[in-house]
Amino acid sequence: MTPYAHHAYQKTAVNAIYDKERLVVMVYEGLVGFLHQARDAMTAGNSARKGEAISSIIALLTELDCALDREAGGEMATNLADLYQWMMGRLTEANLHNDVHRLDEVEKVVVELKEGFEGAAKQLAAQAVQQPAAPAPVAGVVGTPVPTRRLSYAV
C-alpha cells in the first residue's frame, strides 16, 4: 500500500468513527435547542409552541433510546436507557405543570451527556490515528500468497 493510500485509508477510518460520535453530539445539541425553545414558550405562556418543543425533545430521546445496543453496551446502555426514560417523565411533568425547574433538570443531564460524548469522540479519533491501520485487501488475493516455482527446460 502506498503511503498516500495508507493515509487516506486511515483518515477514512477515523472519520467514520468520529462521524458516528459527532452525530450523537448533534442530537444532544438539538435537545438543548429544543429545551431552550420549550423554556421560552413556557415563560411566554405559549402552550402550543411549548408542546411542540417538548414533543420534539421526546422524539429525539426516543430515537437515542432505540439506537442503544443493549447487548453490546451492557450496563452503560441500560443506564442511558434509564436516563432517557427519566428525562421523558420529567418533560411530561414539566409540560403538565408548566414547571421550568424540571426543564432545567433535564437540560443539566443533556449537557453532561453531550460533553461526555464529545470527549469520547475525540478520544476515539485520537486512538484510531495512533493505531496502525490494517493493509487494504488486494483484489484477487486470498490469504497468504504462495511462492511459485520457475520451471526451466533444458534443450
N, C-alpha and C. Protein backbone atom coordinates (compact mmCIF):
# COMPACT_ATOMS: atom_id res chain seq x y z
N MET A 1 0.86 -1.17 0.00
CA MET A 1 0.00 0.00 0.00
C MET A 1 0.90 1.23 0.00
N THR A 2 0.60 2.16 -0.85
CA THR A 2 1.39 3.38 -0.94
C THR A 2 1.14 4.24 0.30
N PRO A 3 2.09 5.10 0.65
CA PRO A 3 1.86 5.98 1.81
C PRO A 3 0.60 6.83 1.67
N TYR A 4 0.32 7.28 0.44
CA TYR A 4 -0.87 8.10 0.22
C TYR A 4 -2.14 7.27 0.48
N ALA A 5 -2.17 6.06 -0.03
CA ALA A 5 -3.34 5.19 0.16
C ALA A 5 -3.51 4.85 1.63
N HIS A 6 -2.40 4.58 2.31
CA HIS A 6 -2.46 4.26 3.74
C HIS A 6 -3.04 5.44 4.51
N HIS A 7 -2.58 6.64 4.20
CA HIS A 7 -3.09 7.84 4.88
C HIS A 7 -4.58 8.03 4.61
N ALA A 8 -5.00 7.84 3.37
CA ALA A 8 -6.41 8.00 3.01
C ALA A 8 -7.26 6.96 3.72
N TYR A 9 -6.77 5.72 3.78
CA TYR A 9 -7.50 4.65 4.47
C TYR A 9 -7.65 4.98 5.95
N GLN A 10 -6.55 5.40 6.56
CA GLN A 10 -6.56 5.73 7.99
C GLN A 10 -7.49 6.92 8.26
N LYS A 11 -7.44 7.93 7.41
CA LYS A 11 -8.29 9.11 7.59
C LYS A 11 -9.76 8.74 7.47
N THR A 12 -10.09 7.86 6.54
CA THR A 12 -11.47 7.41 6.37
C THR A 12 -11.94 6.66 7.60
N ALA A 13 -11.11 5.81 8.16
CA ALA A 13 -11.47 5.06 9.37
C ALA A 13 -11.72 6.01 10.53
N VAL A 14 -10.86 7.00 10.69
CA VAL A 14 -11.03 7.98 11.76
C VAL A 14 -12.32 8.76 11.55
N ASN A 15 -12.57 9.20 10.33
CA ASN A 15 -13.79 9.97 10.05
C ASN A 15 -15.04 9.16 10.32
N ALA A 16 -15.03 7.87 9.99
CA ALA A 16 -16.21 7.03 10.22
C ALA A 16 -16.51 6.93 11.71
N ILE A 17 -15.48 6.75 12.52
CA ILE A 17 -15.67 6.69 13.97
C ILE A 17 -16.14 8.03 14.48
N TYR A 18 -15.46 9.08 14.07
CA TYR A 18 -15.78 10.41 14.57
C TYR A 18 -17.17 10.84 14.12
N ASP A 19 -17.56 10.50 12.89
CA ASP A 19 -18.86 10.91 12.37
C ASP A 19 -20.00 10.30 13.17
N LYS A 20 -19.89 9.03 13.57
CA LYS A 20 -20.93 8.40 14.39
C LYS A 20 -21.08 9.14 15.71
N GLU A 21 -19.96 9.37 16.36
CA GLU A 21 -19.99 10.06 17.65
C GLU A 21 -20.47 11.49 17.48
N ARG A 22 -20.05 12.14 16.41
CA ARG A 22 -20.46 13.53 16.16
C ARG A 22 -21.96 13.61 15.93
N LEU A 23 -22.53 12.61 15.29
CA LEU A 23 -23.97 12.59 15.06
C LEU A 23 -24.73 12.56 16.39
N VAL A 24 -24.25 11.76 17.33
CA VAL A 24 -24.88 11.70 18.66
C VAL A 24 -24.77 13.06 19.34
N VAL A 25 -23.60 13.69 19.25
CA VAL A 25 -23.42 15.02 19.84
C VAL A 25 -24.38 16.01 19.21
N MET A 26 -24.58 15.92 17.91
CA MET A 26 -25.51 16.83 17.23
C MET A 26 -26.95 16.64 17.74
N VAL A 27 -27.32 15.40 18.03
CA VAL A 27 -28.66 15.15 18.59
C VAL A 27 -28.77 15.82 19.95
N TYR A 28 -27.72 15.69 20.77
CA TYR A 28 -27.75 16.35 22.08
C TYR A 28 -27.82 17.87 21.93
N GLU A 29 -27.11 18.42 20.95
CA GLU A 29 -27.19 19.86 20.71
C GLU A 29 -28.62 20.26 20.32
N GLY A 30 -29.26 19.42 19.52
CA GLY A 30 -30.66 19.66 19.17
C GLY A 30 -31.56 19.63 20.39
N LEU A 31 -31.29 18.70 21.30
CA LEU A 31 -32.07 18.63 22.54
C LEU A 31 -31.95 19.93 23.33
N VAL A 32 -30.73 20.44 23.44
CA VAL A 32 -30.53 21.70 24.18
C VAL A 32 -31.31 22.83 23.51
N GLY A 33 -31.27 22.89 22.19
CA GLY A 33 -32.01 23.94 21.47
C GLY A 33 -33.50 23.85 21.71
N PHE A 34 -34.05 22.65 21.65
CA PHE A 34 -35.49 22.47 21.90
C PHE A 34 -35.85 22.75 23.36
N LEU A 35 -34.94 22.44 24.27
CA LEU A 35 -35.19 22.77 25.69
C LEU A 35 -35.29 24.28 25.88
N HIS A 36 -34.43 25.02 25.20
CA HIS A 36 -34.50 26.49 25.28
C HIS A 36 -35.80 27.01 24.68
N GLN A 37 -36.21 26.41 23.56
CA GLN A 37 -37.48 26.81 22.95
C GLN A 37 -38.65 26.52 23.90
N ALA A 38 -38.61 25.36 24.54
CA ALA A 38 -39.70 25.00 25.47
C ALA A 38 -39.73 25.96 26.65
N ARG A 39 -38.55 26.31 27.16
CA ARG A 39 -38.49 27.24 28.30
C ARG A 39 -39.03 28.61 27.91
N ASP A 40 -38.59 29.10 26.74
CA ASP A 40 -39.06 30.41 26.27
C ASP A 40 -40.57 30.41 26.07
N ALA A 41 -41.09 29.35 25.47
CA ALA A 41 -42.54 29.26 25.24
C ALA A 41 -43.30 29.15 26.55
N MET A 42 -42.73 28.42 27.50
CA MET A 42 -43.38 28.25 28.79
C MET A 42 -43.47 29.59 29.53
N THR A 43 -42.38 30.34 29.54
CA THR A 43 -42.38 31.63 30.24
C THR A 43 -43.25 32.65 29.52
N ALA A 44 -43.42 32.49 28.20
CA ALA A 44 -44.26 33.41 27.43
C ALA A 44 -45.73 32.99 27.45
N GLY A 45 -46.01 31.83 28.01
CA GLY A 45 -47.38 31.35 28.06
C GLY A 45 -47.90 30.81 26.74
N ASN A 46 -46.99 30.43 25.85
CA ASN A 46 -47.36 29.90 24.54
C ASN A 46 -47.42 28.37 24.63
N SER A 47 -48.58 27.85 24.97
CA SER A 47 -48.74 26.41 25.19
C SER A 47 -48.49 25.59 23.93
N ALA A 48 -48.92 26.08 22.79
CA ALA A 48 -48.73 25.33 21.54
C ALA A 48 -47.25 25.16 21.22
N ARG A 49 -46.50 26.25 21.28
CA ARG A 49 -45.06 26.18 20.98
C ARG A 49 -44.32 25.34 22.02
N LYS A 50 -44.73 25.46 23.28
CA LYS A 50 -44.13 24.65 24.35
C LYS A 50 -44.35 23.17 24.06
N GLY A 51 -45.58 22.81 23.71
CA GLY A 51 -45.90 21.41 23.42
C GLY A 51 -45.13 20.87 22.24
N GLU A 52 -44.97 21.68 21.19
CA GLU A 52 -44.20 21.26 20.02
C GLU A 52 -42.74 21.01 20.38
N ALA A 53 -42.17 21.92 21.16
CA ALA A 53 -40.76 21.77 21.55
C ALA A 53 -40.56 20.53 22.41
N ILE A 54 -41.45 20.33 23.38
CA ILE A 54 -41.32 19.17 24.26
C ILE A 54 -41.55 17.88 23.47
N SER A 55 -42.47 17.89 22.53
CA SER A 55 -42.68 16.71 21.67
C SER A 55 -41.43 16.40 20.86
N SER A 56 -40.76 17.42 20.36
CA SER A 56 -39.52 17.22 19.61
C SER A 56 -38.43 16.63 20.49
N ILE A 57 -38.34 17.11 21.72
CA ILE A 57 -37.35 16.58 22.66
C ILE A 57 -37.62 15.11 22.93
N ILE A 58 -38.87 14.78 23.20
CA ILE A 58 -39.23 13.39 23.49
C ILE A 58 -38.95 12.50 22.27
N ALA A 59 -39.20 13.01 21.07
CA ALA A 59 -38.92 12.24 19.86
C ALA A 59 -37.42 11.95 19.73
N LEU A 60 -36.58 12.95 20.00
CA LEU A 60 -35.13 12.74 19.93
C LEU A 60 -34.66 11.77 21.00
N LEU A 61 -35.19 11.90 22.21
CA LEU A 61 -34.82 10.97 23.28
C LEU A 61 -35.24 9.54 22.93
N THR A 62 -36.40 9.41 22.31
CA THR A 62 -36.87 8.09 21.89
C THR A 62 -35.93 7.49 20.85
N GLU A 63 -35.47 8.31 19.91
CA GLU A 63 -34.51 7.84 18.90
C GLU A 63 -33.20 7.41 19.54
N LEU A 64 -32.71 8.20 20.48
CA LEU A 64 -31.48 7.83 21.18
C LEU A 64 -31.66 6.51 21.92
N ASP A 65 -32.81 6.35 22.56
CA ASP A 65 -33.10 5.12 23.31
C ASP A 65 -33.16 3.92 22.36
N CYS A 66 -33.83 4.08 21.24
CA CYS A 66 -33.96 2.98 20.27
C CYS A 66 -32.61 2.62 19.63
N ALA A 67 -31.71 3.57 19.55
CA ALA A 67 -30.40 3.34 18.92
C ALA A 67 -29.43 2.61 19.85
N LEU A 68 -29.76 2.50 21.12
CA LEU A 68 -28.86 1.83 22.06
C LEU A 68 -28.74 0.35 21.74
N ASP A 69 -27.51 -0.15 21.76
CA ASP A 69 -27.27 -1.58 21.62
C ASP A 69 -27.13 -2.13 23.03
N ARG A 70 -28.24 -2.58 23.58
CA ARG A 70 -28.26 -3.00 24.98
C ARG A 70 -27.39 -4.23 25.22
N GLU A 71 -27.27 -5.09 24.22
CA GLU A 71 -26.46 -6.29 24.39
C GLU A 71 -24.97 -5.94 24.45
N ALA A 72 -24.51 -5.17 23.49
CA ALA A 72 -23.10 -4.80 23.44
C ALA A 72 -22.77 -3.73 24.48
N GLY A 73 -23.72 -2.84 24.75
CA GLY A 73 -23.48 -1.73 25.67
C GLY A 73 -23.55 -2.09 27.14
N GLY A 74 -24.17 -3.21 27.44
CA GLY A 74 -24.23 -3.69 28.82
C GLY A 74 -24.85 -2.69 29.78
N GLU A 75 -24.18 -2.52 30.91
CA GLU A 75 -24.68 -1.65 31.97
C GLU A 75 -24.78 -0.20 31.53
N MET A 76 -23.82 0.24 30.72
CA MET A 76 -23.84 1.64 30.27
C MET A 76 -25.08 1.91 29.43
N ALA A 77 -25.43 0.99 28.54
CA ALA A 77 -26.62 1.17 27.71
C ALA A 77 -27.88 1.16 28.57
N THR A 78 -27.90 0.29 29.57
CA THR A 78 -29.05 0.24 30.49
C THR A 78 -29.18 1.55 31.25
N ASN A 79 -28.06 2.08 31.72
CA ASN A 79 -28.09 3.35 32.46
C ASN A 79 -28.56 4.50 31.56
N LEU A 80 -28.09 4.53 30.33
CA LEU A 80 -28.53 5.57 29.39
C LEU A 80 -30.03 5.44 29.12
N ALA A 81 -30.50 4.21 28.93
CA ALA A 81 -31.94 4.00 28.69
C ALA A 81 -32.75 4.50 29.88
N ASP A 82 -32.27 4.21 31.08
CA ASP A 82 -32.97 4.69 32.29
C ASP A 82 -32.98 6.22 32.34
N LEU A 83 -31.86 6.84 31.99
CA LEU A 83 -31.80 8.31 31.98
C LEU A 83 -32.77 8.89 30.95
N TYR A 84 -32.80 8.28 29.76
CA TYR A 84 -33.72 8.78 28.73
C TYR A 84 -35.17 8.68 29.21
N GLN A 85 -35.52 7.56 29.85
CA GLN A 85 -36.88 7.39 30.37
C GLN A 85 -37.17 8.41 31.47
N TRP A 86 -36.21 8.64 32.35
CA TRP A 86 -36.38 9.61 33.43
C TRP A 86 -36.62 11.01 32.83
N MET A 87 -35.80 11.35 31.82
CA MET A 87 -35.95 12.67 31.20
C MET A 87 -37.32 12.82 30.54
N MET A 88 -37.79 11.77 29.88
CA MET A 88 -39.11 11.85 29.25
C MET A 88 -40.21 12.05 30.29
N GLY A 89 -40.07 11.40 31.43
CA GLY A 89 -41.03 11.59 32.51
C GLY A 89 -41.00 13.02 33.05
N ARG A 90 -39.81 13.55 33.24
CA ARG A 90 -39.68 14.92 33.74
C ARG A 90 -40.24 15.92 32.74
N LEU A 91 -40.03 15.68 31.47
CA LEU A 91 -40.57 16.57 30.43
C LEU A 91 -42.09 16.55 30.43
N THR A 92 -42.66 15.38 30.61
CA THR A 92 -44.13 15.27 30.66
C THR A 92 -44.67 16.06 31.85
N GLU A 93 -43.99 15.93 32.99
CA GLU A 93 -44.40 16.68 34.19
C GLU A 93 -44.23 18.19 33.97
N ALA A 94 -43.11 18.57 33.35
CA ALA A 94 -42.87 19.99 33.07
C ALA A 94 -43.96 20.55 32.18
N ASN A 95 -44.36 19.78 31.20
CA ASN A 95 -45.40 20.21 30.27
C ASN A 95 -46.74 20.36 31.00
N LEU A 96 -47.10 19.38 31.80
CA LEU A 96 -48.39 19.41 32.51
C LEU A 96 -48.49 20.53 33.53
N HIS A 97 -47.36 20.80 34.22
CA HIS A 97 -47.38 21.75 35.33
C HIS A 97 -46.71 23.08 35.01
N ASN A 98 -46.31 23.28 33.74
CA ASN A 98 -45.58 24.50 33.37
C ASN A 98 -44.42 24.76 34.33
N ASP A 99 -43.60 23.75 34.52
CA ASP A 99 -42.52 23.80 35.51
C ASP A 99 -41.16 23.93 34.82
N VAL A 100 -40.64 25.14 34.81
CA VAL A 100 -39.33 25.41 34.19
C VAL A 100 -38.22 24.67 34.91
N HIS A 101 -38.36 24.48 36.21
CA HIS A 101 -37.34 23.79 37.01
C HIS A 101 -37.10 22.37 36.46
N ARG A 102 -38.15 21.69 36.06
CA ARG A 102 -37.99 20.33 35.52
C ARG A 102 -37.29 20.36 34.17
N LEU A 103 -37.54 21.38 33.38
CA LEU A 103 -36.80 21.54 32.12
C LEU A 103 -35.31 21.74 32.41
N ASP A 104 -35.01 22.54 33.43
CA ASP A 104 -33.61 22.79 33.79
C ASP A 104 -32.92 21.50 34.24
N GLU A 105 -33.65 20.65 34.97
CA GLU A 105 -33.08 19.37 35.40
C GLU A 105 -32.70 18.52 34.19
N VAL A 106 -33.59 18.47 33.23
CA VAL A 106 -33.33 17.69 32.01
C VAL A 106 -32.16 18.29 31.24
N GLU A 107 -32.14 19.61 31.13
CA GLU A 107 -31.05 20.26 30.40
C GLU A 107 -29.69 19.96 31.03
N LYS A 108 -29.64 19.96 32.34
CA LYS A 108 -28.37 19.68 33.03
C LYS A 108 -27.85 18.28 32.64
N VAL A 109 -28.74 17.30 32.63
CA VAL A 109 -28.34 15.94 32.27
C VAL A 109 -27.93 15.87 30.80
N VAL A 110 -28.69 16.52 29.93
CA VAL A 110 -28.40 16.51 28.49
C VAL A 110 -27.03 17.12 28.23
N VAL A 111 -26.73 18.24 28.87
CA VAL A 111 -25.44 18.91 28.67
C VAL A 111 -24.30 18.01 29.15
N GLU A 112 -24.47 17.35 30.28
CA GLU A 112 -23.43 16.44 30.78
C GLU A 112 -23.21 15.28 29.81
N LEU A 113 -24.28 14.71 29.29
CA LEU A 113 -24.15 13.62 28.32
C LEU A 113 -23.48 14.11 27.04
N LYS A 114 -23.87 15.28 26.57
CA LYS A 114 -23.28 15.85 25.35
C LYS A 114 -21.77 16.02 25.53
N GLU A 115 -21.37 16.58 26.65
CA GLU A 115 -19.94 16.79 26.91
C GLU A 115 -19.20 15.45 27.00
N GLY A 116 -19.84 14.46 27.59
CA GLY A 116 -19.23 13.13 27.66
C GLY A 116 -19.04 12.51 26.29
N PHE A 117 -20.04 12.64 25.43
CA PHE A 117 -19.91 12.10 24.08
C PHE A 117 -18.90 12.88 23.25
N GLU A 118 -18.81 14.18 23.47
CA GLU A 118 -17.78 14.98 22.76
C GLU A 118 -16.39 14.49 23.14
N GLY A 119 -16.17 14.27 24.43
CA GLY A 119 -14.87 13.77 24.88
C GLY A 119 -14.58 12.39 24.34
N ALA A 120 -15.58 11.52 24.34
CA ALA A 120 -15.40 10.16 23.82
C ALA A 120 -15.08 10.18 22.33
N ALA A 121 -15.74 11.04 21.59
CA ALA A 121 -15.49 11.14 20.15
C ALA A 121 -14.05 11.56 19.88
N LYS A 122 -13.57 12.53 20.64
CA LYS A 122 -12.19 12.98 20.46
C LYS A 122 -11.20 11.89 20.83
N GLN A 123 -11.48 11.15 21.90
CA GLN A 123 -10.60 10.06 22.32
C GLN A 123 -10.56 8.96 21.28
N LEU A 124 -11.72 8.56 20.77
CA LEU A 124 -11.76 7.51 19.75
C LEU A 124 -11.03 7.93 18.49
N ALA A 125 -11.19 9.17 18.09
CA ALA A 125 -10.50 9.65 16.90
C ALA A 125 -8.99 9.64 17.12
N ALA A 126 -8.54 10.04 18.30
CA ALA A 126 -7.11 10.06 18.60
C ALA A 126 -6.55 8.64 18.63
N GLN A 127 -7.29 7.70 19.21
CA GLN A 127 -6.84 6.31 19.27
C GLN A 127 -6.76 5.71 17.87
N ALA A 128 -7.72 6.03 17.03
CA ALA A 128 -7.73 5.48 15.67
C ALA A 128 -6.53 5.99 14.88
N VAL A 129 -6.12 7.22 15.12
CA VAL A 129 -4.96 7.78 14.42
C VAL A 129 -3.69 7.09 14.89
N GLN A 130 -3.60 6.76 16.17
CA GLN A 130 -2.40 6.17 16.73
C GLN A 130 -2.24 4.70 16.36
N GLN A 131 -3.34 4.00 16.16
CA GLN A 131 -3.26 2.58 15.82
C GLN A 131 -2.95 2.43 14.35
N PRO A 132 -2.02 1.54 14.03
CA PRO A 132 -1.73 1.33 12.61
C PRO A 132 -2.93 0.68 11.94
N ALA A 133 -3.26 1.18 10.80
CA ALA A 133 -4.39 0.63 10.06
C ALA A 133 -3.97 -0.66 9.37
N ALA A 134 -4.88 -1.58 9.26
CA ALA A 134 -4.62 -2.84 8.56
C ALA A 134 -4.48 -2.54 7.07
N PRO A 135 -3.59 -3.26 6.41
CA PRO A 135 -3.45 -3.00 4.98
C PRO A 135 -4.74 -3.36 4.25
N ALA A 136 -4.99 -2.62 3.22
CA ALA A 136 -6.20 -2.86 2.43
C ALA A 136 -6.05 -4.17 1.67
N PRO A 137 -7.15 -4.91 1.52
CA PRO A 137 -7.07 -6.16 0.76
C PRO A 137 -6.76 -5.88 -0.71
N VAL A 138 -6.04 -6.81 -1.31
CA VAL A 138 -5.70 -6.68 -2.71
C VAL A 138 -6.67 -7.56 -3.50
N ALA A 139 -7.24 -7.00 -4.53
CA ALA A 139 -8.22 -7.74 -5.32
C ALA A 139 -7.59 -8.99 -5.91
N GLY A 140 -8.28 -10.11 -5.78
CA GLY A 140 -7.81 -11.36 -6.37
C GLY A 140 -6.88 -12.14 -5.48
N VAL A 141 -6.46 -11.61 -4.35
CA VAL A 141 -5.55 -12.31 -3.47
C VAL A 141 -6.32 -12.76 -2.24
N VAL A 142 -6.27 -14.04 -1.98
CA VAL A 142 -6.94 -14.59 -0.81
C VAL A 142 -5.87 -15.22 0.06
N GLY A 143 -5.79 -14.82 1.31
CA GLY A 143 -4.81 -15.40 2.23
C GLY A 143 -3.40 -14.97 1.88
N THR A 144 -2.44 -15.83 2.23
CA THR A 144 -1.04 -15.54 2.00
C THR A 144 -0.64 -16.03 0.61
N PRO A 145 0.03 -15.20 -0.16
CA PRO A 145 0.45 -15.64 -1.49
C PRO A 145 1.43 -16.81 -1.38
N VAL A 146 1.28 -17.77 -2.25
CA VAL A 146 2.15 -18.94 -2.27
C VAL A 146 3.23 -18.70 -3.32
N PRO A 147 4.52 -18.91 -2.91
CA PRO A 147 5.58 -18.71 -3.89
C PRO A 147 5.43 -19.73 -5.03
N THR A 148 5.72 -19.31 -6.21
CA THR A 148 5.62 -20.21 -7.37
C THR A 148 7.01 -20.64 -7.78
N ARG A 149 7.10 -21.83 -8.37
CA ARG A 149 8.37 -22.34 -8.87
C ARG A 149 8.54 -21.92 -10.31
N ARG A 150 9.77 -21.69 -10.62
CA ARG A 150 10.07 -21.44 -12.03
C ARG A 150 10.52 -22.77 -12.64
N LEU A 151 9.94 -23.05 -13.72
CA LEU A 151 10.33 -24.27 -14.42
C LEU A 151 11.33 -23.91 -15.51
N SER A 152 12.36 -24.69 -15.57
CA SER A 152 13.34 -24.45 -16.63
C SER A 152 13.41 -25.69 -17.52
N TYR A 153 13.49 -25.45 -18.75
CA TYR A 153 13.55 -26.54 -19.70
C TYR A 153 14.93 -26.53 -20.35
N ALA A 154 15.56 -27.63 -20.29
CA ALA A 154 16.85 -27.74 -20.96
C ALA A 154 16.62 -28.33 -22.35
N VAL A 155 17.24 -27.72 -23.30
CA VAL A 155 17.06 -28.22 -24.66
C VAL A 155 18.30 -28.91 -25.12
